[in-house]
Amino acid sequence: MAIKARGRPALSGEAKAARRELQKGVDHLNKSIAEARRGLRKVEQKIEADARARIRELRKEARAQLTSLEARRREASRTLKTLSAAAGDSWQEIKRSADSILADARATATSVIERFRSALGG
């Protein structure tokens, strides 16, 4: 067996061929890893884009719901003013009407909160 200048024996033709095959396998594995990383980055970007879109959608829906709740609050205030002016001393009637309006508004607010909690997975 011939000795190389560095003190290692020279590789046989069969050993060189085996080394080349192993190197090809390592190179192929490196390419597969790089491809998997690219795929992972694409999936992460898609998930992030979907999450941003969902957040925009939830914010838009929240603004609409809050606008609706504000309208109900204003309506309840106007109704209370109207009833108190019209009812005179009949505060029981005013209280019943106001309780009904406020209960409806609270139920709506609770529903909105629950919808957003469930959308957030909590």
PDB file of N, CA and C in Angstrom:
ATOM      1  N   MET A   1       0.852  -1.178   0.000  1.00  0.00           N
ATOM      2  CA  MET A   1       0.000   0.000   0.000  1.00  0.00           C
ATOM      3  C   MET A   1       0.891   1.232   0.000  1.00  0.00           C
ATOM      4  N   ALA A   2       0.581   2.199  -0.847  1.00  0.00           N
ATOM      5  CA  ALA A   2       1.408   3.413  -0.935  1.00  0.00           C
ATOM      6  C   ALA A   2       1.100   4.334   0.226  1.00  0.00           C
ATOM      7  N   ILE A   3       2.105   5.103   0.651  1.00  0.00           N
ATOM      8  CA  ILE A   3       1.956   6.042   1.763  1.00  0.00           C
ATOM      9  C   ILE A   3       1.965   7.448   1.182  1.00  0.00           C
ATOM     10  N   LYS A   4       1.001   8.235   1.604  1.00  0.00           N
ATOM     11  CA  LYS A   4       0.958   9.640   1.180  1.00  0.00           C
ATOM     12  C   LYS A   4       1.991  10.433   1.940  1.00  0.00           C
ATOM     13  N   ALA A   5       2.201  11.653   1.525  1.00  0.00           N
ATOM     14  CA  ALA A   5       3.208  12.512   2.141  1.00  0.00           C
ATOM     15  C   ALA A   5       2.908  12.786   3.604  1.00  0.00           C
ATOM     16  N   ARG A   6       1.683  12.754   4.022  1.00  0.00           N
ATOM     17  CA  ARG A   6       1.323  13.081   5.409  1.00  0.00           C
ATOM     18  C   ARG A   6       1.372  11.864   6.329  1.00  0.00           C
ATOM     19  N   GLY A   7       1.680  10.763   5.837  1.00  0.00           N
ATOM     20  CA  GLY A   7       1.787   9.603   6.686  1.00  0.00           C
ATOM     21  C   GLY A   7       0.557   8.726   6.683  1.00  0.00           C
ATOM     22  N   ARG A   8      -0.446   9.036   5.902  1.00  0.00           N
ATOM     23  CA  ARG A   8      -1.629   8.195   5.806  1.00  0.00           C
ATOM     24  C   ARG A   8      -1.510   7.322   4.566  1.00  0.00           C
ATOM     25  N   PRO A   9      -2.016   6.128   4.663  1.00  0.00           N
ATOM     26  CA  PRO A   9      -1.958   5.282   3.472  1.00  0.00           C
ATOM     27  C   PRO A   9      -2.913   5.814   2.403  1.00  0.00           C
ATOM     28  N   ALA A  10      -2.564   5.672   1.150  1.00  0.00           N
ATOM     29  CA  ALA A  10      -3.415   6.103   0.033  1.00  0.00           C
ATOM     30  C   ALA A  10      -4.658   5.225   0.000  1.00  0.00           C
ATOM     31  N   LEU A  11      -5.795   5.824  -0.380  1.00  0.00           N
ATOM     32  CA  LEU A  11      -7.047   5.080  -0.442  1.00  0.00           C
ATOM     33  C   LEU A  11      -7.097   4.236  -1.705  1.00  0.00           C
ATOM     34  N   SER A  12      -7.655   3.064  -1.580  1.00  0.00           N
ATOM     35  CA  SER A  12      -7.838   2.203  -2.747  1.00  0.00           C
ATOM     36  C   SER A  12      -8.951   2.785  -3.605  1.00  0.00           C
ATOM     37  N   GLY A  13      -9.075   2.308  -4.808  1.00  0.00           N
ATOM     38  CA  GLY A  13     -10.128   2.772  -5.715  1.00  0.00           C
ATOM     39  C   GLY A  13     -11.503   2.517  -5.136  1.00  0.00           C
ATOM     40  N   GLU A  14     -11.663   1.352  -4.505  1.00  0.00           N
ATOM     41  CA  GLU A  14     -12.947   1.008  -3.891  1.00  0.00           C
ATOM     42  C   GLU A  14     -13.257   1.945  -2.726  1.00  0.00           C
ATOM     43  N   ALA A  15     -12.250   2.264  -1.926  1.00  0.00           N
ATOM     44  CA  ALA A  15     -12.445   3.167  -0.792  1.00  0.00           C
ATOM     45  C   ALA A  15     -12.786   4.565  -1.282  1.00  0.00           C
ATOM     46  N   LYS A  16     -12.124   5.003  -2.374  1.00  0.00           N
ATOM     47  CA  LYS A  16     -12.430   6.338  -2.930  1.00  0.00           C
ATOM     48  C   LYS A  16     -13.868   6.390  -3.439  1.00  0.00           C
ATOM     49  N   ALA A  17     -14.303   5.327  -4.098  1.00  0.00           N
ATOM     50  CA  ALA A  17     -15.674   5.277  -4.614  1.00  0.00           C
ATOM     51  C   ALA A  17     -16.672   5.301  -3.460  1.00  0.00           C
ATOM     52  N   ALA A  18     -16.384   4.548  -2.403  1.00  0.00           N
ATOM     53  CA  ALA A  18     -17.266   4.538  -1.235  1.00  0.00           C
ATOM     54  C   ALA A  18     -17.304   5.916  -0.597  1.00  0.00           C
ATOM     55  N   ARG A  19     -16.155   6.574  -0.512  1.00  0.00           N
ATOM     56  CA  ARG A  19     -16.092   7.933   0.073  1.00  0.00           C
ATOM     57  C   ARG A  19     -16.922   8.911  -0.749  1.00  0.00           C
ATOM     58  N   ARG A  20     -16.806   8.817  -2.088  1.00  0.00           N
ATOM     59  CA  ARG A  20     -17.601   9.691  -2.966  1.00  0.00           C
ATOM     60  C   ARG A  20     -19.096   9.460  -2.755  1.00  0.00           C
ATOM     61  N   GLU A  21     -19.514   8.208  -2.652  1.00  0.00           N
ATOM     62  CA  GLU A  21     -20.918   7.879  -2.428  1.00  0.00           C
ATOM     63  C   GLU A  21     -21.405   8.444  -1.094  1.00  0.00           C
ATOM     64  N   LEU A  22     -20.579   8.286  -0.071  1.00  0.00           N
ATOM     65  CA  LEU A  22     -20.945   8.851   1.243  1.00  0.00           C
ATOM     66  C   LEU A  22     -21.045  10.366   1.164  1.00  0.00           C
ATOM     67  N   GLN A  23     -20.122  11.001   0.463  1.00  0.00           N
ATOM     68  CA  GLN A  23     -20.158  12.459   0.332  1.00  0.00           C
ATOM     69  C   GLN A  23     -21.409  12.905  -0.418  1.00  0.00           C
ATOM     70  N   LYS A  24     -21.791  12.152  -1.460  1.00  0.00           N
ATOM     71  CA  LYS A  24     -23.023  12.462  -2.193  1.00  0.00           C
ATOM     72  C   LYS A  24     -24.229  12.366  -1.251  1.00  0.00           C
ATOM     73  N   GLY A  25     -24.225  11.321  -0.409  1.00  0.00           N
ATOM     74  CA  GLY A  25     -25.319  11.170   0.555  1.00  0.00           C
ATOM     75  C   GLY A  25     -25.377  12.338   1.521  1.00  0.00           C
ATOM     76  N   VAL A  26     -24.209  12.774   2.016  1.00  0.00           N
ATOM     77  CA  VAL A  26     -24.151  13.923   2.928  1.00  0.00           C
ATOM     78  C   VAL A  26     -24.624  15.183   2.209  1.00  0.00           C
ATOM     79  N   ASP A  27     -24.179  15.377   0.963  1.00  0.00           N
ATOM     80  CA  ASP A  27     -24.612  16.553   0.189  1.00  0.00           C
ATOM     81  C   ASP A  27     -26.122  16.532  -0.022  1.00  0.00           C
ATOM     82  N   HIS A  28     -26.654  15.348  -0.340  1.00  0.00           N
ATOM     83  CA  HIS A  28     -28.104  15.226  -0.541  1.00  0.00           C
ATOM     84  C   HIS A  28     -28.844  15.544   0.761  1.00  0.00           C
ATOM     85  N   LEU A  29     -28.320  15.058   1.878  1.00  0.00           N
ATOM     86  CA  LEU A  29     -28.932  15.348   3.175  1.00  0.00           C
ATOM     87  C   LEU A  29     -28.900  16.848   3.469  1.00  0.00           C
ATOM     88  N   ASN A  30     -27.790  17.506   3.157  1.00  0.00           N
ATOM     89  CA  ASN A  30     -27.697  18.973   3.341  1.00  0.00           C
ATOM     90  C   ASN A  30     -28.745  19.695   2.502  1.00  0.00           C
ATOM     91  N   LYS A  31     -28.943  19.238   1.262  1.00  0.00           N
ATOM     92  CA  LYS A  31     -29.954  19.859   0.398  1.00  0.00           C
ATOM     93  C   LYS A  31     -31.350  19.628   0.970  1.00  0.00           C
ATOM     94  N   SER A  32     -31.588  18.431   1.489  1.00  0.00           N
ATOM     95  CA  SER A  32     -32.899  18.131   2.081  1.00  0.00           C
ATOM     96  C   SER A  32     -33.164  19.001   3.306  1.00  0.00           C
ATOM     97  N   ILE A  33     -32.139  19.201   4.123  1.00  0.00           N
ATOM     98  CA  ILE A  33     -32.280  20.052   5.308  1.00  0.00           C
ATOM     99  C   ILE A  33     -32.583  21.486   4.891  1.00  0.00           C
ATOM    100  N   ALA A  34     -31.848  21.972   3.883  1.00  0.00           N
ATOM    101  CA  ALA A  34     -32.081  23.344   3.408  1.00  0.00           C
ATOM    102  C   ALA A  34     -33.499  23.485   2.854  1.00  0.00           C
ATOM    103  N   GLU A  35     -33.963  22.477   2.121  1.00  0.00           N
ATOM    104  CA  GLU A  35     -35.319  22.509   1.568  1.00  0.00           C
ATOM    105  C   GLU A  35     -36.360  22.482   2.691  1.00  0.00           C
ATOM    106  N   ALA A  36     -36.119  21.682   3.709  1.00  0.00           N
ATOM    107  CA  ALA A  36     -37.039  21.621   4.844  1.00  0.00           C
ATOM    108  C   ALA A  36     -37.085  22.967   5.558  1.00  0.00           C
ATOM    109  N   ARG A  37     -35.945  23.618   5.703  1.00  0.00           N
ATOM    110  CA  ARG A  37     -35.915  24.941   6.341  1.00  0.00           C
ATOM    111  C   ARG A  37     -36.692  25.961   5.523  1.00  0.00           C
ATOM    112  N   ARG A  38     -36.521  25.924   4.198  1.00  0.00           N
ATOM    113  CA  ARG A  38     -37.274  26.857   3.340  1.00  0.00           C
ATOM    114  C   ARG A  38     -38.773  26.600   3.481  1.00  0.00           C
ATOM    115  N   GLY A  39     -39.154  25.326   3.471  1.00  0.00           N
ATOM    116  CA  GLY A  39     -40.568  24.979   3.626  1.00  0.00           C
ATOM    117  C   GLY A  39     -41.114  25.439   4.966  1.00  0.00           C
ATOM    118  N   LEU A  40     -40.333  25.256   6.012  1.00  0.00           N
ATOM    119  CA  LEU A  40     -40.746  25.690   7.344  1.00  0.00           C
ATOM    120  C   LEU A  40     -40.927  27.205   7.387  1.00  0.00           C
ATOM    121  N   ARG A  41     -39.996  27.940   6.780  1.00  0.00           N
ATOM    122  CA  ARG A  41     -40.133  29.403   6.750  1.00  0.00           C
ATOM    123  C   ARG A  41     -41.411  29.817   6.017  1.00  0.00           C
ATOM    124  N   LYS A  42     -41.700  29.135   4.899  1.00  0.00           N
ATOM    125  CA  LYS A  42     -42.923  29.466   4.153  1.00  0.00           C
ATOM    126  C   LYS A  42     -44.172  29.185   4.989  1.00  0.00           C
ATOM    127  N   VAL A  43     -44.170  28.060   5.681  1.00  0.00           N
ATOM    128  CA  VAL A  43     -45.323  27.712   6.523  1.00  0.00           C
ATOM    129  C   VAL A  43     -45.469  28.722   7.654  1.00  0.00           C
ATOM    130  N   GLU A  44     -44.352  29.096   8.281  1.00  0.00           N
ATOM    131  CA  GLU A  44     -44.405  30.089   9.365  1.00  0.00           C
ATOM    132  C   GLU A  44     -44.945  31.418   8.845  1.00  0.00           C
ATOM    133  N   GLN A  45     -44.478  31.832   7.661  1.00  0.00           N
ATOM    134  CA  GLN A  45     -44.953  33.095   7.089  1.00  0.00           C
ATOM    135  C   GLN A  45     -46.447  33.024   6.792  1.00  0.00           C
ATOM    136  N   LYS A  46     -46.921  31.879   6.305  1.00  0.00           N
ATOM    137  CA  LYS A  46     -48.350  31.720   6.015  1.00  0.00           C
ATOM    138  C   LYS A  46     -49.156  31.778   7.307  1.00  0.00           C
ATOM    139  N   ILE A  47     -48.679  31.097   8.334  1.00  0.00           N
ATOM    140  CA  ILE A  47     -49.378  31.113   9.624  1.00  0.00           C
ATOM    141  C   ILE A  47     -49.425  32.536  10.177  1.00  0.00           C
ATOM    142  N   GLU A  48     -48.302  33.243  10.095  1.00  0.00           N
ATOM    143  CA  GLU A  48     -48.256  34.625  10.596  1.00  0.00           C
ATOM    144  C   GLU A  48     -49.193  35.526   9.803  1.00  0.00           C
ATOM    145  N   ALA A  49     -49.216  35.364   8.477  1.00  0.00           N
ATOM    146  CA  ALA A  49     -50.115  36.177   7.645  1.00  0.00           C
ATOM    147  C   ALA A  49     -51.577  35.875   7.985  1.00  0.00           C
ATOM    148  N   ASP A  50     -51.894  34.592   8.158  1.00  0.00           N
ATOM    149  CA  ASP A  50     -53.268  34.216   8.528  1.00  0.00           C
ATOM    150  C   ASP A  50     -53.640  34.800   9.889  1.00  0.00           C
ATOM    151  N   ALA A  51     -52.696  34.763  10.824  1.00  0.00           N
ATOM    152  CA  ALA A  51     -52.956  35.306  12.165  1.00  0.00           C
ATOM    153  C   ALA A  51     -53.188  36.813  12.095  1.00  0.00           C
ATOM    154  N   ARG A  52     -52.363  37.505  11.295  1.00  0.00           N
ATOM    155  CA  ARG A  52     -52.560  38.961  11.147  1.00  0.00           C
ATOM    156  C   ARG A  52     -53.920  39.268  10.535  1.00  0.00           C
ATOM    157  N   ALA A  53     -54.314  38.493   9.540  1.00  0.00           N
ATOM    158  CA  ALA A  53     -55.627  38.696   8.911  1.00  0.00           C
ATOM    159  C   ALA A  53     -56.749  38.440   9.913  1.00  0.00           C
ATOM    160  N   ARG A  54     -56.599  37.391  10.712  1.00  0.00           N
ATOM    161  CA  ARG A  54     -57.625  37.074  11.726  1.00  0.00           C
ATOM    162  C   ARG A  54     -57.706  38.176  12.779  1.00  0.00           C
ATOM    163  N   ILE A  55     -56.558  38.713  13.164  1.00  0.00           N
ATOM    164  CA  ILE A  55     -56.539  39.812  14.137  1.00  0.00           C
ATOM    165  C   ILE A  55     -57.246  41.033  13.553  1.00  0.00           C
ATOM    166  N   ARG A  56     -56.964  41.353  12.288  1.00  0.00           N
ATOM    167  CA  ARG A  56     -57.654  42.490  11.644  1.00  0.00           C
ATOM    168  C   ARG A  56     -59.159  42.261  11.630  1.00  0.00           C
ATOM    169  N   GLU A  57     -59.556  41.028  11.308  1.00  0.00           N
ATOM    170  CA  GLU A  57     -60.976  40.690  11.268  1.00  0.00           C
ATOM    171  C   GLU A  57     -61.610  40.836  12.654  1.00  0.00           C
ATOM    172  N   LEU A  58     -60.924  40.345  13.677  1.00  0.00           N
ATOM    173  CA  LEU A  58     -61.448  40.451  15.042  1.00  0.00           C
ATOM    174  C   LEU A  58     -61.538  41.902  15.489  1.00  0.00           C
ATOM    175  N   ARG A  59     -60.542  42.709  15.155  1.00  0.00           N
ATOM    176  CA  ARG A  59     -60.584  44.128  15.520  1.00  0.00           C
ATOM    177  C   ARG A  59     -61.752  44.834  14.847  1.00  0.00           C
ATOM    178  N   LYS A  60     -61.954  44.528  13.572  1.00  0.00           N
ATOM    179  CA  LYS A  60     -63.067  45.140  12.834  1.00  0.00           C
ATOM    180  C   LYS A  60     -64.396  44.738  13.473  1.00  0.00           C
ATOM    181  N   GLU A  61     -64.531  43.452  13.780  1.00  0.00           N
ATOM    182  CA  GLU A  61     -65.753  42.970  14.415  1.00  0.00           C
ATOM    183  C   GLU A  61     -65.933  43.597  15.798  1.00  0.00           C
ATOM    184  N   ALA A  62     -64.845  43.733  16.544  1.00  0.00           N
ATOM    185  CA  ALA A  62     -64.920  44.332  17.879  1.00  0.00           C
ATOM    186  C   ALA A  62     -65.380  45.785  17.782  1.00  0.00           C
ATOM    187  N   ARG A  63     -64.819  46.526  16.823  1.00  0.00           N
ATOM    188  CA  ARG A  63     -65.251  47.926  16.655  1.00  0.00           C
ATOM    189  C   ARG A  63     -66.737  48.002  16.341  1.00  0.00           C
ATOM    190  N   ALA A  64     -67.215  47.117  15.477  1.00  0.00           N
ATOM    191  CA  ALA A  64     -68.643  47.115  15.125  1.00  0.00           C
ATOM    192  C   ALA A  64     -69.496  46.780  16.349  1.00  0.00           C
ATOM    193  N   GLN A  65     -69.077  45.797  17.115  1.00  0.00           N
ATOM    194  CA  GLN A  65     -69.838  45.419  18.302  1.00  0.00           C
ATOM    195  C   GLN A  65     -69.826  46.535  19.345  1.00  0.00           C
ATOM    196  N   LEU A  66     -68.676  47.157  19.531  1.00  0.00           N
ATOM    197  CA  LEU A  66     -68.599  48.270  20.489  1.00  0.00           C
ATOM    198  C   LEU A  66     -69.463  49.445  20.045  1.00  0.00           C
ATOM    199  N   THR A  67     -69.475  49.698  18.745  1.00  0.00           N
ATOM    200  CA  THR A  67     -70.334  50.757  18.215  1.00  0.00           C
ATOM    201  C   THR A  67     -71.798  50.433  18.507  1.00  0.00           C
ATOM    202  N   SER A  68     -72.162  49.172  18.329  1.00  0.00           N
ATOM    203  CA  SER A  68     -73.531  48.740  18.618  1.00  0.00           C
ATOM    204  C   SER A  68     -73.853  48.896  20.105  1.00  0.00           C
ATOM    205  N   LEU A  69     -72.902  48.507  20.958  1.00  0.00           N
ATOM    206  CA  LEU A  69     -73.130  48.649  22.400  1.00  0.00           C
ATOM    207  C   LEU A  69     -73.249  50.115  22.803  1.00  0.00           C
ATOM    208  N   GLU A  70     -72.418  50.964  22.212  1.00  0.00           N
ATOM    209  CA  GLU A  70     -72.524  52.406  22.499  1.00  0.00           C
ATOM    210  C   GLU A  70     -73.893  52.931  22.073  1.00  0.00           C
ATOM    211  N   ALA A  71     -74.390  52.479  20.942  1.00  0.00           N
ATOM    212  CA  ALA A  71     -75.715  52.911  20.473  1.00  0.00           C
ATOM    213  C   ALA A  71     -76.790  52.454  21.466  1.00  0.00           C
ATOM    214  N   ARG A  72     -76.664  51.229  21.977  1.00  0.00           N
ATOM    215  CA  ARG A  72     -77.637  50.744  22.964  1.00  0.00           C
ATOM    216  C   ARG A  72     -77.560  51.560  24.251  1.00  0.00           C
ATOM    217  N   ARG A  73     -76.345  51.926  24.653  1.00  0.00           N
ATOM    218  CA  ARG A  73     -76.188  52.744  25.865  1.00  0.00           C
ATOM    219  C   ARG A  73     -76.857  54.099  25.665  1.00  0.00           C
ATOM    220  N   ARG A  74     -76.617  54.714  24.500  1.00  0.00           N
ATOM    221  CA  ARG A  74     -77.251  56.014  24.222  1.00  0.00           C
ATOM    222  C   ARG A  74     -78.777  55.881  24.204  1.00  0.00           C
ATOM    223  N   GLU A  75     -79.245  54.799  23.593  1.00  0.00           N
ATOM    224  CA  GLU A  75     -80.689  54.554  23.540  1.00  0.00           C
ATOM    225  C   GLU A  75     -81.257  54.384  24.952  1.00  0.00           C
ATOM    226  N   ALA A  76     -80.548  53.660  25.793  1.00  0.00           N
ATOM    227  CA  ALA A  76     -81.013  53.465  27.169  1.00  0.00           C
ATOM    228  C   ALA A  76     -81.051  54.798  27.912  1.00  0.00           C
ATOM    229  N   SER A  77     -80.046  55.646  27.690  1.00  0.00           N
ATOM    230  CA  SER A  77     -80.036  56.965  28.336  1.00  0.00           C
ATOM    231  C   SER A  77     -81.208  57.814  27.865  1.00  0.00           C
ATOM    232  N   ARG A  78     -81.436  57.828  26.561  1.00  0.00           N
ATOM    233  CA  ARG A  78     -82.553  58.617  26.020  1.00  0.00           C
ATOM    234  C   ARG A  78     -83.885  58.092  26.547  1.00  0.00           C
ATOM    235  N   THR A  79     -84.029  56.782  26.567  1.00  0.00           N
ATOM    236  CA  THR A  79     -85.269  56.181  27.057  1.00  0.00           C
ATOM    237  C   THR A  79     -85.494  56.543  28.517  1.00  0.00           C
ATOM    238  N   LEU A  80     -84.453  56.475  29.294  1.00  0.00           N
ATOM    239  CA  LEU A  80     -84.563  56.810  30.713  1.00  0.00           C
ATOM    240  C   LEU A  80     -84.984  58.270  30.885  1.00  0.00           C
ATOM    241  N   LYS A  81     -84.387  59.171  30.103  1.00  0.00           N
ATOM    242  CA  LYS A  81     -84.772  60.592  30.201  1.00  0.00           C
ATOM    243  C   LYS A  81     -86.232  60.780  29.807  1.00  0.00           C
ATOM    244  N   THR A  82     -86.620  60.119  28.712  1.00  0.00           N
ATOM    245  CA  THR A  82     -88.006  60.242  28.240  1.00  0.00           C
ATOM    246  C   THR A  82     -88.981  59.684  29.266  1.00  0.00           C
ATOM    247  N   LEU A  83     -88.656  58.504  29.788  1.00  0.00           N
ATOM    248  CA  LEU A  83     -89.552  57.881  30.759  1.00  0.00           C
ATOM    249  C   LEU A  83     -89.650  58.696  32.039  1.00  0.00           C
ATOM    250  N   SER A  84     -88.518  59.209  32.493  1.00  0.00           N
ATOM    251  CA  SER A  84     -88.564  59.962  33.754  1.00  0.00           C
ATOM    252  C   SER A  84     -89.339  61.262  33.578  1.00  0.00           C
ATOM    253  N   ALA A  85     -89.272  61.871  32.406  1.00  0.00           N
ATOM    254  CA  ALA A  85     -90.042  63.090  32.168  1.00  0.00           C
ATOM    255  C   ALA A  85     -91.534  62.774  32.061  1.00  0.00           C
ATOM    256  N   ALA A  86     -91.836  61.650  31.407  1.00  0.00           N
ATOM    257  CA  ALA A  86     -93.244  61.299  31.179  1.00  0.00           C
ATOM    258  C   ALA A  86     -93.898  60.649  32.397  1.00  0.00           C
ATOM    259  N   ALA A  87     -93.139  59.954  33.191  1.00  0.00           N
ATOM    260  CA  ALA A  87     -93.732  59.160  34.266  1.00  0.00           C
ATOM    261  C   ALA A  87     -94.043  59.952  35.514  1.00  0.00           C
ATOM    262  N   GLY A  88     -93.403  61.082  35.689  1.00  0.00           N
ATOM    263  CA  GLY A  88     -93.658  61.849  36.892  1.00  0.00           C
ATOM    264  C   GLY A  88     -93.191  61.081  38.108  1.00  0.00           C
ATOM    265  N   ASP A  89     -94.136  60.647  38.951  1.00  0.00           N
ATOM    266  CA  ASP A  89     -93.793  59.943  40.190  1.00  0.00           C
ATOM    267  C   ASP A  89     -93.786  58.426  40.032  1.00  0.00           C
ATOM    268  N   SER A  90     -94.018  57.913  38.872  1.00  0.00           N
ATOM    269  CA  SER A  90     -94.103  56.471  38.666  1.00  0.00           C
ATOM    270  C   SER A  90     -92.711  55.874  38.449  1.00  0.00           C
ATOM    271  N   TRP A  91     -91.881  55.899  39.476  1.00  0.00           N
ATOM    272  CA  TRP A  91     -90.496  55.434  39.360  1.00  0.00           C
ATOM    273  C   TRP A  91     -90.397  53.917  39.234  1.00  0.00           C
ATOM    274  N   GLN A  92     -91.362  53.191  39.717  1.00  0.00           N
ATOM    275  CA  GLN A  92     -91.330  51.740  39.573  1.00  0.00           C
ATOM    276  C   GLN A  92     -91.372  51.348  38.097  1.00  0.00           C
ATOM    277  N   GLU A  93     -92.222  52.023  37.357  1.00  0.00           N
ATOM    278  CA  GLU A  93     -92.334  51.763  35.918  1.00  0.00           C
ATOM    279  C   GLU A  93     -91.028  52.124  35.216  1.00  0.00           C
ATOM    280  N   ILE A  94     -90.456  53.257  35.602  1.00  0.00           N
ATOM    281  CA  ILE A  94     -89.183  53.697  35.021  1.00  0.00           C
ATOM    282  C   ILE A  94     -88.100  52.659  35.324  1.00  0.00           C
ATOM    283  N   LYS A  95     -88.064  52.215  36.565  1.00  0.00           N
ATOM    284  CA  LYS A  95     -87.043  51.249  36.967  1.00  0.00           C
ATOM    285  C   LYS A  95     -87.187  49.951  36.187  1.00  0.00           C
ATOM    286  N   ARG A  96     -88.414  49.468  36.027  1.00  0.00           N
ATOM    287  CA  ARG A  96     -88.637  48.227  35.269  1.00  0.00           C
ATOM    288  C   ARG A  96     -88.172  48.381  33.821  1.00  0.00           C
ATOM    289  N   SER A  97     -88.517  49.484  33.210  1.00  0.00           N
ATOM    290  CA  SER A  97     -88.112  49.715  31.823  1.00  0.00           C
ATOM    291  C   SER A  97     -86.596  49.819  31.709  1.00  0.00           C
ATOM    292  N   ALA A  98     -86.003  50.561  32.610  1.00  0.00           N
ATOM    293  CA  ALA A  98     -84.545  50.723  32.580  1.00  0.00           C
ATOM    294  C   ALA A  98     -83.853  49.390  32.844  1.00  0.00           C
ATOM    295  N   ASP A  99     -84.362  48.623  33.808  1.00  0.00           N
ATOM    296  CA  ASP A  99     -83.774  47.309  34.095  1.00  0.00           C
ATOM    297  C   ASP A  99     -83.829  46.406  32.872  1.00  0.00           C
ATOM    298  N   SER A 100     -84.944  46.450  32.159  1.00  0.00           N
ATOM    299  CA  SER A 100     -85.104  45.633  30.961  1.00  0.00           C
ATOM    300  C   SER A 100     -84.094  46.041  29.878  1.00  0.00           C
ATOM    301  N   ILE A 101     -83.966  47.331  29.660  1.00  0.00           N
ATOM    302  CA  ILE A 101     -83.030  47.841  28.649  1.00  0.00           C
ATOM    303  C   ILE A 101     -81.586  47.494  29.031  1.00  0.00           C
ATOM    304  N   LEU A 102     -81.263  47.693  30.291  1.00  0.00           N
ATOM    305  CA  LEU A 102     -79.889  47.419  30.749  1.00  0.00           C
ATOM    306  C   LEU A 102     -79.589  45.923  30.724  1.00  0.00           C
ATOM    307  N   ALA A 103     -80.554  45.101  31.064  1.00  0.00           N
ATOM    308  CA  ALA A 103     -80.345  43.650  31.020  1.00  0.00           C
ATOM    309  C   ALA A 103     -80.059  43.200  29.595  1.00  0.00           C
ATOM    310  N   ASP A 104     -80.802  43.767  28.648  1.00  0.00           N
ATOM    311  CA  ASP A 104     -80.577  43.437  27.244  1.00  0.00           C
ATOM    312  C   ASP A 104     -79.175  43.876  26.806  1.00  0.00           C
ATOM    313  N   ALA A 105     -78.772  45.076  27.197  1.00  0.00           N
ATOM    314  CA  ALA A 105     -77.442  45.578  26.833  1.00  0.00           C
ATOM    315  C   ALA A 105     -76.345  44.729  27.482  1.00  0.00           C
ATOM    316  N   ARG A 106     -76.539  44.341  28.762  1.00  0.00           N
ATOM    317  CA  ARG A 106     -75.549  43.489  29.440  1.00  0.00           C
ATOM    318  C   ARG A 106     -75.441  42.130  28.762  1.00  0.00           C
ATOM    319  N   ALA A 107     -76.565  41.577  28.363  1.00  0.00           N
ATOM    320  CA  ALA A 107     -76.554  40.276  27.682  1.00  0.00           C
ATOM    321  C   ALA A 107     -75.798  40.376  26.358  1.00  0.00           C
ATOM    322  N   THR A 108     -76.016  41.451  25.649  1.00  0.00           N
ATOM    323  CA  THR A 108     -75.293  41.655  24.396  1.00  0.00           C
ATOM    324  C   THR A 108     -73.798  41.790  24.653  1.00  0.00           C
ATOM    325  N   ALA A 109     -73.435  42.583  25.655  1.00  0.00           N
ATOM    326  CA  ALA A 109     -72.014  42.766  25.981  1.00  0.00           C
ATOM    327  C   ALA A 109     -71.382  41.444  26.390  1.00  0.00           C
ATOM    328  N   THR A 110     -72.080  40.665  27.196  1.00  0.00           N
ATOM    329  CA  THR A 110     -71.562  39.356  27.622  1.00  0.00           C
ATOM    330  C   THR A 110     -71.369  38.446  26.420  1.00  0.00           C
ATOM    331  N   SER A 111     -72.316  38.472  25.510  1.00  0.00           N
ATOM    332  CA  SER A 111     -72.224  37.658  24.299  1.00  0.00           C
ATOM    333  C   SER A 111     -71.009  38.053  23.464  1.00  0.00           C
ATOM    334  N   VAL A 112     -70.799  39.354  23.327  1.00  0.00           N
ATOM    335  CA  VAL A 112     -69.647  39.847  22.560  1.00  0.00           C
ATOM    336  C   VAL A 112     -68.348  39.399  23.220  1.00  0.00           C
ATOM    337  N   ILE A 113     -68.261  39.548  24.516  1.00  0.00           N
ATOM    338  CA  ILE A 113     -67.035  39.164  25.244  1.00  0.00           C
ATOM    339  C   ILE A 113     -66.778  37.676  25.075  1.00  0.00           C
ATOM    340  N   GLU A 114     -67.815  36.859  25.205  1.00  0.00           N
ATOM    341  CA  GLU A 114     -67.648  35.411  25.063  1.00  0.00           C
ATOM    342  C   GLU A 114     -67.211  35.029  23.659  1.00  0.00           C
ATOM    343  N   ARG A 115     -67.743  35.697  22.654  1.00  0.00           N
ATOM    344  CA  ARG A 115     -67.350  35.410  21.275  1.00  0.00           C
ATOM    345  C   ARG A 115     -65.881  35.710  21.058  1.00  0.00           C
ATOM    346  N   PHE A 116     -65.399  36.815  21.607  1.00  0.00           N
ATOM    347  CA  PHE A 116     -63.990  37.167  21.441  1.00  0.00           C
ATOM    348  C   PHE A 116     -63.090  36.246  22.252  1.00  0.00           C
ATOM    349  N   ARG A 117     -63.544  35.859  23.423  1.00  0.00           N
ATOM    350  CA  ARG A 117     -62.749  34.898  24.209  1.00  0.00           C
ATOM    351  C   ARG A 117     -62.628  33.568  23.469  1.00  0.00           C
ATOM    352  N   SER A 118     -63.728  33.111  22.902  1.00  0.00           N
ATOM    353  CA  SER A 118     -63.667  31.833  22.181  1.00  0.00           C
ATOM    354  C   SER A 118     -62.832  31.968  20.914  1.00  0.00           C
ATOM    355  N   ALA A 119     -62.845  33.129  20.278  1.00  0.00           N
ATOM    356  CA  ALA A 119     -62.012  33.342  19.097  1.00  0.00           C
ATOM    357  C   ALA A 119     -60.537  33.318  19.442  1.00  0.00           C
ATOM    358  N   LEU A 120     -60.207  33.725  20.668  1.00  0.00           N
ATOM    359  CA  LEU A 120     -58.818  33.740  21.116  1.00  0.00           C
ATOM    360  C   LEU A 120     -58.400  32.415  21.725  1.00  0.00           C
ATOM    361  N   GLY A 121     -59.330  31.471  21.776  1.00  0.00           N
ATOM    362  CA  GLY A 121     -59.009  30.155  22.313  1.00  0.00           C
ATOM    363  C   GLY A 121     -59.029  30.087  23.819  1.00  0.00           C
ATOM    364  N   GLY A 122     -59.585  31.070  24.463  1.00  0.00           N
ATOM    365  CA  GLY A 122     -59.580  31.073  25.929  1.00  0.00           C
ATOM    366  C   GLY A 122     -60.934  30.920  26.448  1.00  0.00           C
TER     367      GLY A 122
END
